[in-house]
Structure formats: structure tokens, C-alpha cells
Amino acid sequence: NFLPDLKDHILGCLLGLDHDQIFTDDERNCLHIIGNKLYDHGTLRINYTTYDMCRSQDSINPKMHPDILMLAPTSNENSHPYLYGRIIAIYHVEVTHALLSPHVQRIDFVHVRFFKLDQGFTGGFATRRFHRLTFVNSSEADAFGFVDPAQVIRGVHIIPAFAYPTTDELLGQSIVRRYVDAECSDTDWEYYYVNMFV
């Protein structure tokens, strides 16, 4: 569902929505991607403020530094405040829309494979343990998505949980994985840790 999901994301951006929603085929058909082209980019630069109030910049790319941190859409005191994802690709498109944007407008976005928090594991500062993640199963609707680069807080260091095995149950053979090691090219680690301590 790459194209319908992409059009839903673009329509959400044009409408100023914080998060994607599902649009009808008629609403999607009003959106025109100029030349039916996606423009691929090698890196994404994210400006952020460090802990000591200095400015810094993360250079994120799908091959070497692909993991990102975003605010969760809804958070209460008991929920985890962040979403984590691994960038598959960085793109922009030029679009027009009969009603929302009659002039050509550039939309930047990243295609992301999402992690989810392991609910059976307690992590954080109080427990002095890393939060544990796993990839969302590819059969679930929210395994992949599109993110506005402005929603990315910064890059994040996510490390494999080497004490656990690798698995191919979350995603079969796919070009989504970009591993240099041929032995790991068709599997993911079962769990990952968010390296949050400085």
C-alpha cells in the first residue's frame, strides 16, 4: 500500500494534520504528484539542542545512522513519550492539489519501519535499564509509515540485544534491510535496546 499510504501522508501534510489519517480514493485522486517522481536523498540533517543548551546537528542516513526518535502522538503519565523508527529512505515529491495547493509544493518525508516498546520489559531511569524494543510485525498496519522530517527530534542509538536470537518472523526477505553482513541480511534481532545513558 505504498502509494495510497504516501498520498494519505501528503494530504495530511497539506491539511496541516499532525498525524496521518485515511482518505478516500476520490480525495487521493485530487492529489497530483508532478511527473510521478520521488526524489531520493542520501542524508537528513536534524538540528537539535543538546543537554547543555548548545546547538547541534544529527546527520541521519538509511545506511549508517538510520534510527530516529519522535514524540508519541498521545502520551499520558503512564505511557512512553517517544516513538522509534528506522529510516528506509529519504524522499521529497512535488505535488499539486486542486483545492488545497493549486501551485506546486515540495513535500519532504522519510519512509520508516517502526519499532514498538516491549511491554513485557520494564526499562528507564528508575530501573536503571535500557528500554527494550522490537520491530512492529510487518503484517500489522503500522509497521511502516511516512514521517515529516520536522517531527523527528533527533537520531537515536539503538543497539541489538545480542543475548537474544535473530528472527525472520517480523519481516520476511526484503530490500528494507540494509545490512553489510550477508549472513544477517534476511533477519532482524528479536530485541533492541535504546541506548539512553550519556
N, C-alpha and C. Protein backbone atom coordinates (compact mmCIF):
# COMPACT_ATOMS: atom_id res chain seq x y z
N ASN A 1 0.82 -1.20 0.00
CA ASN A 1 0.00 0.00 0.00
C ASN A 1 0.86 1.26 0.00
N PHE A 2 2.00 1.21 -0.65
CA PHE A 2 2.93 2.33 -0.62
C PHE A 2 2.28 3.61 -1.14
N LEU A 3 1.71 3.57 -2.35
CA LEU A 3 1.17 4.79 -2.94
C LEU A 3 -0.05 5.34 -2.19
N PRO A 4 -1.05 4.53 -1.83
CA PRO A 4 -2.16 5.09 -1.04
C PRO A 4 -1.70 5.67 0.30
N ASP A 5 -0.78 4.97 0.98
CA ASP A 5 -0.27 5.48 2.25
C ASP A 5 0.50 6.78 2.06
N LEU A 6 1.28 6.84 0.97
CA LEU A 6 2.03 8.07 0.68
C LEU A 6 1.07 9.23 0.41
N LYS A 7 0.05 8.98 -0.38
CA LYS A 7 -0.92 10.05 -0.67
C LYS A 7 -1.66 10.49 0.59
N ASP A 8 -1.98 9.54 1.46
CA ASP A 8 -2.61 9.90 2.74
C ASP A 8 -1.70 10.80 3.55
N HIS A 9 -0.40 10.47 3.57
CA HIS A 9 0.56 11.29 4.32
C HIS A 9 0.66 12.69 3.72
N ILE A 10 0.74 12.77 2.40
CA ILE A 10 0.87 14.08 1.73
C ILE A 10 -0.39 14.92 1.97
N LEU A 11 -1.56 14.31 1.85
CA LEU A 11 -2.80 15.05 2.12
C LEU A 11 -2.84 15.54 3.56
N GLY A 12 -2.38 14.71 4.48
CA GLY A 12 -2.31 15.14 5.88
C GLY A 12 -1.38 16.33 6.05
N CYS A 13 -0.25 16.33 5.33
CA CYS A 13 0.68 17.48 5.39
C CYS A 13 0.03 18.73 4.83
N LEU A 14 -0.65 18.61 3.70
CA LEU A 14 -1.30 19.77 3.09
C LEU A 14 -2.41 20.33 3.97
N LEU A 15 -3.07 19.46 4.72
CA LEU A 15 -4.14 19.90 5.62
C LEU A 15 -3.63 20.35 6.98
N GLY A 16 -2.32 20.15 7.23
CA GLY A 16 -1.73 20.56 8.50
C GLY A 16 -2.04 19.62 9.65
N LEU A 17 -2.35 18.36 9.34
CA LEU A 17 -2.64 17.39 10.39
C LEU A 17 -1.33 16.89 11.01
N ASP A 18 -1.35 16.66 12.31
CA ASP A 18 -0.15 16.16 12.99
C ASP A 18 0.17 14.72 12.62
N HIS A 19 -0.86 13.92 12.41
CA HIS A 19 -0.66 12.50 12.15
C HIS A 19 -1.53 12.08 10.98
N ASP A 20 -1.09 11.04 10.30
CA ASP A 20 -1.78 10.57 9.10
C ASP A 20 -3.17 10.05 9.44
N GLN A 21 -4.06 10.24 8.50
CA GLN A 21 -5.38 9.64 8.59
C GLN A 21 -5.67 9.01 7.24
N ILE A 22 -6.69 8.19 7.17
CA ILE A 22 -7.01 7.51 5.92
C ILE A 22 -8.01 8.36 5.14
N PHE A 23 -7.68 8.59 3.86
CA PHE A 23 -8.53 9.37 2.98
C PHE A 23 -9.20 8.43 1.97
N THR A 24 -10.24 8.91 1.32
CA THR A 24 -10.93 8.11 0.31
C THR A 24 -10.15 8.15 -1.00
N ASP A 25 -10.48 7.22 -1.91
CA ASP A 25 -9.84 7.20 -3.22
C ASP A 25 -10.11 8.50 -3.98
N ASP A 26 -11.32 9.04 -3.85
CA ASP A 26 -11.65 10.30 -4.52
C ASP A 26 -10.78 11.44 -4.01
N GLU A 27 -10.55 11.47 -2.70
CA GLU A 27 -9.68 12.51 -2.13
C GLU A 27 -8.24 12.33 -2.59
N ARG A 28 -7.78 11.08 -2.66
CA ARG A 28 -6.42 10.81 -3.13
C ARG A 28 -6.26 11.19 -4.60
N ASN A 29 -7.30 10.97 -5.40
CA ASN A 29 -7.21 11.25 -6.83
C ASN A 29 -7.11 12.74 -7.13
N CYS A 30 -7.47 13.60 -6.19
CA CYS A 30 -7.33 15.06 -6.37
C CYS A 30 -5.88 15.50 -6.21
N LEU A 31 -5.04 14.63 -5.68
CA LEU A 31 -3.63 14.94 -5.46
C LEU A 31 -2.84 14.51 -6.68
N HIS A 32 -2.00 15.41 -7.20
CA HIS A 32 -1.19 15.09 -8.38
C HIS A 32 0.28 15.20 -8.01
N ILE A 33 1.00 14.09 -8.14
CA ILE A 33 2.45 14.08 -7.93
C ILE A 33 3.09 14.40 -9.27
N ILE A 34 3.79 15.52 -9.33
CA ILE A 34 4.36 16.01 -10.59
C ILE A 34 5.31 14.97 -11.18
N GLY A 35 5.03 14.56 -12.41
CA GLY A 35 5.88 13.61 -13.11
C GLY A 35 5.89 12.21 -12.51
N ASN A 36 5.02 11.97 -11.53
CA ASN A 36 5.02 10.68 -10.82
C ASN A 36 6.41 10.30 -10.34
N LYS A 37 7.14 11.29 -9.81
CA LYS A 37 8.53 11.08 -9.40
C LYS A 37 8.71 11.27 -7.91
N LEU A 38 9.51 10.37 -7.33
CA LEU A 38 10.03 10.52 -5.98
C LEU A 38 11.49 10.89 -6.12
N TYR A 39 11.93 11.89 -5.39
CA TYR A 39 13.34 12.28 -5.41
C TYR A 39 14.01 11.73 -4.15
N ASP A 40 15.00 10.88 -4.36
CA ASP A 40 15.69 10.19 -3.26
C ASP A 40 16.84 11.05 -2.74
N HIS A 41 17.01 11.07 -1.42
CA HIS A 41 18.10 11.82 -0.79
C HIS A 41 18.93 10.87 0.06
N GLY A 42 20.22 11.15 0.15
CA GLY A 42 21.12 10.29 0.90
C GLY A 42 21.15 10.56 2.39
N THR A 43 20.93 11.81 2.79
CA THR A 43 21.01 12.16 4.21
C THR A 43 19.88 13.09 4.62
N LEU A 44 19.63 13.09 5.90
CA LEU A 44 18.67 14.00 6.53
C LEU A 44 19.40 14.65 7.69
N ARG A 45 19.39 15.96 7.75
CA ARG A 45 20.05 16.67 8.84
C ARG A 45 18.99 17.23 9.78
N ILE A 46 19.17 16.91 11.06
CA ILE A 46 18.22 17.32 12.09
C ILE A 46 18.94 18.22 13.09
N ASN A 47 18.48 19.45 13.23
CA ASN A 47 19.03 20.36 14.24
C ASN A 47 18.34 20.10 15.57
N TYR A 48 19.10 20.14 16.64
CA TYR A 48 18.54 19.92 17.97
C TYR A 48 19.36 20.67 19.01
N THR A 49 18.82 20.78 20.21
CA THR A 49 19.50 21.43 21.32
C THR A 49 20.05 20.35 22.24
N THR A 50 21.32 20.45 22.59
CA THR A 50 21.95 19.46 23.45
C THR A 50 21.54 19.68 24.91
N TYR A 51 21.97 18.77 25.77
CA TYR A 51 21.62 18.85 27.19
C TYR A 51 22.18 20.10 27.86
N ASP A 52 23.30 20.62 27.35
CA ASP A 52 23.91 21.82 27.93
C ASP A 52 23.52 23.08 27.15
N MET A 53 22.38 23.02 26.44
CA MET A 53 21.77 24.16 25.75
C MET A 53 22.62 24.69 24.59
N CYS A 54 23.39 23.84 23.96
CA CYS A 54 24.12 24.20 22.74
C CYS A 54 23.38 23.63 21.54
N ARG A 55 23.64 24.21 20.38
CA ARG A 55 23.03 23.69 19.17
C ARG A 55 23.91 22.60 18.58
N SER A 56 23.26 21.60 18.02
CA SER A 56 23.99 20.53 17.37
C SER A 56 23.14 20.00 16.22
N GLN A 57 23.73 19.10 15.44
CA GLN A 57 23.03 18.58 14.27
C GLN A 57 23.34 17.10 14.10
N ASP A 58 22.30 16.30 13.86
CA ASP A 58 22.47 14.89 13.53
C ASP A 58 22.41 14.74 12.02
N SER A 59 23.30 13.95 11.49
CA SER A 59 23.26 13.58 10.08
C SER A 59 22.78 12.14 10.02
N ILE A 60 21.58 11.95 9.52
CA ILE A 60 20.94 10.64 9.52
C ILE A 60 20.89 10.13 8.09
N ASN A 61 21.30 8.87 7.91
CA ASN A 61 21.15 8.26 6.59
C ASN A 61 20.72 6.81 6.75
N PRO A 62 20.04 6.28 5.75
CA PRO A 62 19.48 4.93 5.86
C PRO A 62 20.52 3.82 5.98
N LYS A 63 21.76 4.08 5.59
CA LYS A 63 22.76 3.01 5.58
C LYS A 63 23.58 2.94 6.86
N MET A 64 23.95 4.07 7.42
CA MET A 64 24.90 4.06 8.54
C MET A 64 24.31 4.55 9.86
N HIS A 65 23.37 5.45 9.83
CA HIS A 65 22.81 6.02 11.07
C HIS A 65 21.30 6.20 10.84
N PRO A 66 20.54 5.09 10.82
CA PRO A 66 19.15 5.17 10.36
C PRO A 66 18.08 5.34 11.43
N ASP A 67 18.43 5.28 12.71
CA ASP A 67 17.40 5.24 13.75
C ASP A 67 17.05 6.63 14.25
N ILE A 68 15.73 6.86 14.42
CA ILE A 68 15.24 8.19 14.79
C ILE A 68 14.30 8.11 15.99
N LEU A 69 14.13 9.27 16.62
CA LEU A 69 13.29 9.44 17.80
C LEU A 69 12.25 10.51 17.50
N MET A 70 10.98 10.22 17.82
CA MET A 70 9.89 11.17 17.61
C MET A 70 9.00 11.18 18.84
N LEU A 71 8.23 12.24 19.01
CA LEU A 71 7.24 12.27 20.10
C LEU A 71 6.09 11.34 19.76
N ALA A 72 5.61 10.62 20.76
CA ALA A 72 4.43 9.78 20.58
C ALA A 72 3.21 10.68 20.39
N PRO A 73 2.25 10.27 19.58
CA PRO A 73 1.09 11.13 19.30
C PRO A 73 0.27 11.47 20.54
N THR A 74 0.06 10.53 21.41
CA THR A 74 -0.65 10.81 22.65
C THR A 74 0.16 10.24 23.78
N SER A 75 0.31 11.03 24.80
CA SER A 75 1.04 10.49 25.95
C SER A 75 0.37 10.97 27.22
N ASN A 76 0.28 10.06 28.16
CA ASN A 76 -0.16 10.41 29.50
C ASN A 76 0.96 10.01 30.45
N GLU A 77 0.75 10.16 31.71
CA GLU A 77 1.82 9.89 32.67
C GLU A 77 2.33 8.46 32.60
N ASN A 78 1.48 7.53 32.22
CA ASN A 78 1.87 6.12 32.24
C ASN A 78 2.37 5.59 30.91
N SER A 79 2.29 6.37 29.84
CA SER A 79 2.72 5.87 28.54
C SER A 79 4.10 6.40 28.20
N HIS A 80 4.77 5.67 27.32
CA HIS A 80 6.11 6.06 26.89
C HIS A 80 5.98 7.28 25.97
N PRO A 81 6.78 8.31 26.17
CA PRO A 81 6.58 9.55 25.42
C PRO A 81 7.13 9.55 23.99
N TYR A 82 7.86 8.51 23.60
CA TYR A 82 8.54 8.54 22.31
C TYR A 82 8.16 7.38 21.41
N LEU A 83 8.32 7.63 20.12
CA LEU A 83 8.25 6.60 19.08
C LEU A 83 9.65 6.44 18.52
N TYR A 84 9.97 5.24 18.08
CA TYR A 84 11.28 4.97 17.50
C TYR A 84 11.07 4.36 16.12
N GLY A 85 11.96 4.70 15.20
CA GLY A 85 11.85 4.15 13.86
C GLY A 85 13.20 4.02 13.20
N ARG A 86 13.24 3.20 12.17
CA ARG A 86 14.44 3.04 11.35
C ARG A 86 14.12 3.53 9.95
N ILE A 87 14.88 4.50 9.50
CA ILE A 87 14.63 5.10 8.19
C ILE A 87 15.00 4.11 7.09
N ILE A 88 14.07 3.92 6.17
CA ILE A 88 14.29 3.09 4.99
C ILE A 88 14.83 3.96 3.86
N ALA A 89 14.21 5.13 3.68
CA ALA A 89 14.62 6.04 2.61
C ALA A 89 14.16 7.46 2.94
N ILE A 90 14.83 8.42 2.31
CA ILE A 90 14.53 9.84 2.49
C ILE A 90 14.13 10.38 1.12
N TYR A 91 12.97 11.01 1.04
CA TYR A 91 12.43 11.46 -0.25
C TYR A 91 11.88 12.88 -0.17
N HIS A 92 11.65 13.43 -1.37
CA HIS A 92 10.74 14.56 -1.50
C HIS A 92 9.96 14.38 -2.80
N VAL A 93 8.78 14.96 -2.84
CA VAL A 93 7.95 14.97 -4.04
C VAL A 93 7.46 16.39 -4.26
N GLU A 94 7.09 16.66 -5.49
CA GLU A 94 6.45 17.94 -5.82
C GLU A 94 5.01 17.62 -6.18
N VAL A 95 4.08 18.32 -5.55
CA VAL A 95 2.66 17.98 -5.70
C VAL A 95 1.82 19.23 -5.96
N THR A 96 0.67 18.97 -6.53
CA THR A 96 -0.39 19.98 -6.61
C THR A 96 -1.69 19.31 -6.18
N HIS A 97 -2.60 20.13 -5.70
CA HIS A 97 -3.93 19.66 -5.31
C HIS A 97 -4.92 20.72 -5.75
N ALA A 98 -5.99 20.30 -6.40
CA ALA A 98 -6.94 21.25 -6.97
C ALA A 98 -7.45 22.26 -5.95
N LEU A 99 -7.70 21.85 -4.72
CA LEU A 99 -8.26 22.75 -3.72
C LEU A 99 -7.24 23.23 -2.69
N LEU A 100 -6.40 22.32 -2.22
CA LEU A 100 -5.51 22.64 -1.10
C LEU A 100 -4.23 23.35 -1.53
N SER A 101 -3.72 23.03 -2.71
CA SER A 101 -2.44 23.58 -3.14
C SER A 101 -2.38 23.62 -4.67
N PRO A 102 -3.03 24.62 -5.29
CA PRO A 102 -3.03 24.67 -6.76
C PRO A 102 -1.65 24.94 -7.35
N HIS A 103 -0.74 25.50 -6.55
CA HIS A 103 0.63 25.73 -7.01
C HIS A 103 1.50 24.57 -6.57
N VAL A 104 2.56 24.33 -7.33
CA VAL A 104 3.47 23.22 -7.00
C VAL A 104 4.07 23.44 -5.61
N GLN A 105 4.02 22.41 -4.80
CA GLN A 105 4.56 22.47 -3.45
C GLN A 105 5.45 21.26 -3.22
N ARG A 106 6.60 21.50 -2.59
CA ARG A 106 7.52 20.41 -2.26
C ARG A 106 7.15 19.84 -0.89
N ILE A 107 7.07 18.52 -0.81
CA ILE A 107 6.80 17.81 0.45
C ILE A 107 7.97 16.87 0.71
N ASP A 108 8.65 17.07 1.84
CA ASP A 108 9.73 16.19 2.27
C ASP A 108 9.17 15.14 3.22
N PHE A 109 9.68 13.92 3.13
CA PHE A 109 9.23 12.86 4.04
C PHE A 109 10.27 11.75 4.09
N VAL A 110 10.17 10.97 5.15
CA VAL A 110 11.02 9.78 5.28
C VAL A 110 10.12 8.56 5.39
N HIS A 111 10.54 7.49 4.75
CA HIS A 111 9.84 6.21 4.83
C HIS A 111 10.48 5.45 5.98
N VAL A 112 9.67 4.99 6.92
CA VAL A 112 10.18 4.48 8.19
C VAL A 112 9.60 3.10 8.50
N ARG A 113 10.44 2.25 9.07
CA ARG A 113 10.00 0.99 9.68
C ARG A 113 9.99 1.23 11.19
N PHE A 114 8.85 1.00 11.83
CA PHE A 114 8.70 1.38 13.23
C PHE A 114 9.07 0.26 14.20
N PHE A 115 9.62 0.69 15.33
CA PHE A 115 9.82 -0.18 16.48
C PHE A 115 8.62 0.01 17.41
N LYS A 116 8.42 -0.96 18.29
CA LYS A 116 7.44 -0.77 19.37
C LYS A 116 8.12 -1.16 20.68
N LEU A 117 7.66 -0.54 21.74
CA LEU A 117 8.19 -0.82 23.07
C LEU A 117 7.76 -2.21 23.51
N ASP A 118 8.69 -2.98 24.06
CA ASP A 118 8.37 -4.30 24.60
C ASP A 118 7.64 -4.10 25.93
N GLN A 119 6.34 -4.35 25.94
CA GLN A 119 5.52 -4.11 27.12
C GLN A 119 5.79 -5.09 28.26
N GLY A 120 6.44 -6.20 27.95
CA GLY A 120 6.74 -7.19 28.98
C GLY A 120 8.07 -6.95 29.68
N PHE A 121 8.68 -5.80 29.42
CA PHE A 121 10.00 -5.49 29.97
C PHE A 121 9.95 -4.08 30.53
N THR A 122 10.47 -3.88 31.73
CA THR A 122 10.46 -2.55 32.34
C THR A 122 11.85 -1.94 32.21
N GLY A 123 11.90 -0.79 31.57
CA GLY A 123 13.16 -0.08 31.41
C GLY A 123 12.99 1.36 31.84
N GLY A 124 14.08 2.10 31.84
CA GLY A 124 14.04 3.52 32.18
C GLY A 124 15.00 3.87 33.29
N PHE A 125 15.02 5.14 33.65
CA PHE A 125 15.95 5.62 34.67
C PHE A 125 15.67 4.99 36.03
N ALA A 126 14.40 4.81 36.38
CA ALA A 126 14.06 4.26 37.70
C ALA A 126 14.57 2.83 37.86
N THR A 127 14.55 2.06 36.79
CA THR A 127 15.01 0.67 36.86
C THR A 127 16.47 0.51 36.47
N ARG A 128 17.07 1.60 35.98
CA ARG A 128 18.47 1.60 35.53
C ARG A 128 18.71 0.55 34.44
N ARG A 129 17.72 0.43 33.57
CA ARG A 129 17.84 -0.48 32.43
C ARG A 129 17.37 0.23 31.18
N PHE A 130 17.96 -0.16 30.05
CA PHE A 130 17.54 0.40 28.77
C PHE A 130 16.10 -0.03 28.47
N HIS A 131 15.37 0.84 27.75
CA HIS A 131 14.07 0.42 27.23
C HIS A 131 14.33 -0.62 26.15
N ARG A 132 13.49 -1.64 26.09
CA ARG A 132 13.67 -2.70 25.09
C ARG A 132 12.61 -2.56 24.01
N LEU A 133 13.05 -2.69 22.76
CA LEU A 133 12.18 -2.54 21.60
C LEU A 133 12.20 -3.81 20.77
N THR A 134 11.21 -3.92 19.92
CA THR A 134 11.19 -4.91 18.86
C THR A 134 10.54 -4.24 17.66
N PHE A 135 10.84 -4.74 16.47
CA PHE A 135 10.18 -4.18 15.30
C PHE A 135 8.70 -4.55 15.32
N VAL A 136 7.86 -3.67 14.80
CA VAL A 136 6.45 -3.99 14.62
C VAL A 136 6.37 -5.05 13.53
N ASN A 137 5.57 -6.09 13.73
CA ASN A 137 5.43 -7.16 12.75
C ASN A 137 4.92 -6.58 11.43
N SER A 138 5.52 -7.02 10.33
CA SER A 138 5.18 -6.46 9.01
C SER A 138 3.73 -6.73 8.62
N SER A 139 3.07 -7.68 9.27
CA SER A 139 1.66 -7.95 8.97
C SER A 139 0.73 -6.90 9.59
N GLU A 140 1.24 -6.10 10.52
CA GLU A 140 0.42 -5.07 11.17
C GLU A 140 0.43 -3.79 10.33
N ALA A 141 -0.67 -3.06 10.40
CA ALA A 141 -0.85 -1.87 9.56
C ALA A 141 0.16 -0.77 9.87
N ASP A 142 0.63 -0.69 11.12
CA ASP A 142 1.53 0.40 11.49
C ASP A 142 3.00 -0.02 11.53
N ALA A 143 3.36 -1.06 10.77
CA ALA A 143 4.76 -1.50 10.72
C ALA A 143 5.62 -0.51 9.95
N PHE A 144 5.05 0.09 8.91
CA PHE A 144 5.77 1.04 8.07
C PHE A 144 4.94 2.31 7.97
N GLY A 145 5.59 3.40 7.68
CA GLY A 145 4.85 4.64 7.52
C GLY A 145 5.74 5.75 7.00
N PHE A 146 5.14 6.91 6.88
CA PHE A 146 5.84 8.10 6.40
C PHE A 146 5.84 9.13 7.51
N VAL A 147 6.96 9.83 7.63
CA VAL A 147 7.13 10.81 8.70
C VAL A 147 7.63 12.11 8.10
N ASP A 148 7.06 13.20 8.54
CA ASP A 148 7.55 14.53 8.20
C ASP A 148 8.88 14.73 8.93
N PRO A 149 9.96 15.13 8.24
CA PRO A 149 11.24 15.33 8.93
C PRO A 149 11.15 16.31 10.10
N ALA A 150 10.20 17.23 10.07
CA ALA A 150 10.04 18.19 11.17
C ALA A 150 9.58 17.50 12.45
N GLN A 151 9.03 16.29 12.36
CA GLN A 151 8.59 15.55 13.54
C GLN A 151 9.72 14.75 14.19
N VAL A 152 10.86 14.65 13.51
CA VAL A 152 11.99 13.90 14.06
C VAL A 152 12.71 14.78 15.07
N ILE A 153 12.83 14.30 16.30
CA ILE A 153 13.53 15.06 17.34
C ILE A 153 15.02 15.00 17.10
N ARG A 154 15.52 13.78 16.89
CA ARG A 154 16.94 13.58 16.60
C ARG A 154 17.20 12.12 16.30
N GLY A 155 18.42 11.82 15.92
CA GLY A 155 18.83 10.43 15.75
C GLY A 155 18.94 9.79 17.12
N VAL A 156 18.81 8.47 17.15
CA VAL A 156 18.89 7.75 18.42
C VAL A 156 19.78 6.53 18.22
N HIS A 157 20.48 6.15 19.28
CA HIS A 157 21.36 5.00 19.22
C HIS A 157 20.60 3.77 19.70
N ILE A 158 20.23 2.91 18.78
CA ILE A 158 19.52 1.68 19.11
C ILE A 158 20.46 0.51 18.86
N ILE A 159 20.64 -0.32 19.88
CA ILE A 159 21.62 -1.40 19.79
C ILE A 159 20.92 -2.76 19.87
N PRO A 160 21.40 -3.74 19.10
CA PRO A 160 20.79 -5.07 19.18
C PRO A 160 20.97 -5.68 20.56
N ALA A 161 20.00 -6.46 20.98
CA ALA A 161 20.10 -7.23 22.23
C ALA A 161 20.73 -8.57 21.85
N PHE A 162 22.05 -8.62 21.93
CA PHE A 162 22.80 -9.77 21.44
C PHE A 162 22.52 -11.05 22.23
N ALA A 163 21.95 -10.94 23.41
CA ALA A 163 21.64 -12.12 24.22
C ALA A 163 20.45 -12.90 23.66
N TYR A 164 19.72 -12.29 22.72
CA TYR A 164 18.55 -12.92 22.13
C TYR A 164 18.85 -13.28 20.68
N PRO A 165 18.12 -14.25 20.12
CA PRO A 165 18.41 -14.68 18.75
C PRO A 165 17.90 -13.70 17.71
N THR A 166 18.27 -13.96 16.47
CA THR A 166 17.71 -13.22 15.35
C THR A 166 16.43 -13.93 14.90
N THR A 167 15.61 -13.21 14.16
CA THR A 167 14.34 -13.78 13.71
C THR A 167 13.99 -13.26 12.32
N ASP A 168 13.28 -14.07 11.56
CA ASP A 168 12.74 -13.62 10.28
C ASP A 168 11.22 -13.58 10.33
N GLU A 169 10.65 -13.72 11.53
CA GLU A 169 9.20 -13.76 11.69
C GLU A 169 8.55 -12.38 11.62
N LEU A 170 9.30 -11.33 11.88
CA LEU A 170 8.72 -9.98 11.86
C LEU A 170 8.67 -9.40 10.46
N LEU A 171 9.58 -9.85 9.60
CA LEU A 171 9.65 -9.39 8.21
C LEU A 171 10.39 -10.45 7.43
N GLY A 172 9.79 -10.91 6.35
CA GLY A 172 10.46 -11.89 5.50
C GLY A 172 11.60 -11.25 4.74
N GLN A 173 12.08 -11.94 3.73
CA GLN A 173 13.16 -11.40 2.91
C GLN A 173 12.69 -10.09 2.28
N SER A 174 13.52 -9.06 2.41
CA SER A 174 13.08 -7.73 1.98
C SER A 174 14.26 -6.83 1.67
N ILE A 175 14.03 -5.88 0.77
CA ILE A 175 15.06 -4.88 0.47
C ILE A 175 15.10 -3.79 1.53
N VAL A 176 14.18 -3.85 2.47
CA VAL A 176 14.12 -2.85 3.54
C VAL A 176 15.38 -2.91 4.40
N ARG A 177 15.90 -4.10 4.61
CA ARG A 177 17.11 -4.24 5.43
C ARG A 177 18.32 -3.83 4.61
N ARG A 178 19.21 -3.08 5.26
CA ARG A 178 20.42 -2.61 4.58
C ARG A 178 21.64 -3.01 5.37
N TYR A 179 21.86 -4.29 5.52
CA TYR A 179 23.00 -4.77 6.28
C TYR A 179 24.16 -5.07 5.35
N VAL A 180 25.35 -4.77 5.82
CA VAL A 180 26.56 -5.07 5.06
C VAL A 180 26.87 -6.56 5.14
N ASP A 181 26.62 -7.16 6.30
CA ASP A 181 26.91 -8.57 6.54
C ASP A 181 25.84 -9.43 5.86
N ALA A 182 26.25 -10.25 4.90
CA ALA A 182 25.31 -11.07 4.14
C ALA A 182 24.59 -12.09 5.02
N GLU A 183 25.22 -12.53 6.11
CA GLU A 183 24.60 -13.52 7.00
C GLU A 183 23.37 -12.95 7.71
N CYS A 184 23.33 -11.64 7.93
CA CYS A 184 22.22 -11.01 8.66
C CYS A 184 21.20 -10.35 7.74
N SER A 185 21.35 -10.52 6.43
CA SER A 185 20.54 -9.73 5.50
C SER A 185 19.06 -10.10 5.48
N ASP A 186 18.70 -11.28 5.96
CA ASP A 186 17.29 -11.68 5.93
C ASP A 186 16.66 -11.84 7.31
N THR A 187 17.33 -11.34 8.34
CA THR A 187 16.79 -11.46 9.70
C THR A 187 16.97 -10.15 10.46
N ASP A 188 16.22 -10.02 11.53
CA ASP A 188 16.37 -8.91 12.47
C ASP A 188 16.70 -9.51 13.82
N TRP A 189 17.27 -8.71 14.69
CA TRP A 189 17.41 -9.16 16.07
C TRP A 189 16.02 -9.17 16.69
N GLU A 190 15.80 -10.12 17.58
CA GLU A 190 14.48 -10.22 18.22
C GLU A 190 14.18 -8.97 19.05
N TYR A 191 15.19 -8.46 19.74
CA TYR A 191 15.03 -7.26 20.57
C TYR A 191 16.18 -6.29 20.34
N TYR A 192 15.89 -5.02 20.67
CA TYR A 192 16.87 -3.95 20.60
C TYR A 192 16.75 -3.12 21.88
N TYR A 193 17.81 -2.43 22.21
CA TYR A 193 17.79 -1.53 23.37
C TYR A 193 18.00 -0.09 22.91
N VAL A 194 17.32 0.84 23.59
CA VAL A 194 17.53 2.26 23.36
C VAL A 194 18.66 2.69 24.28
N ASN A 195 19.78 3.07 23.69
CA ASN A 195 20.95 3.49 24.47
C ASN A 195 20.73 4.93 24.91
N MET A 196 20.20 5.12 26.11
CA MET A 196 19.77 6.45 26.55
C MET A 196 20.68 7.08 27.58
N PHE A 197 21.68 6.38 28.05
CA PHE A 197 22.56 6.94 29.07
C PHE A 197 23.76 7.61 28.43
N VAL A 198 24.11 8.78 28.95
CA VAL A 198 25.24 9.54 28.41
C VAL A 198 26.48 9.22 29.20
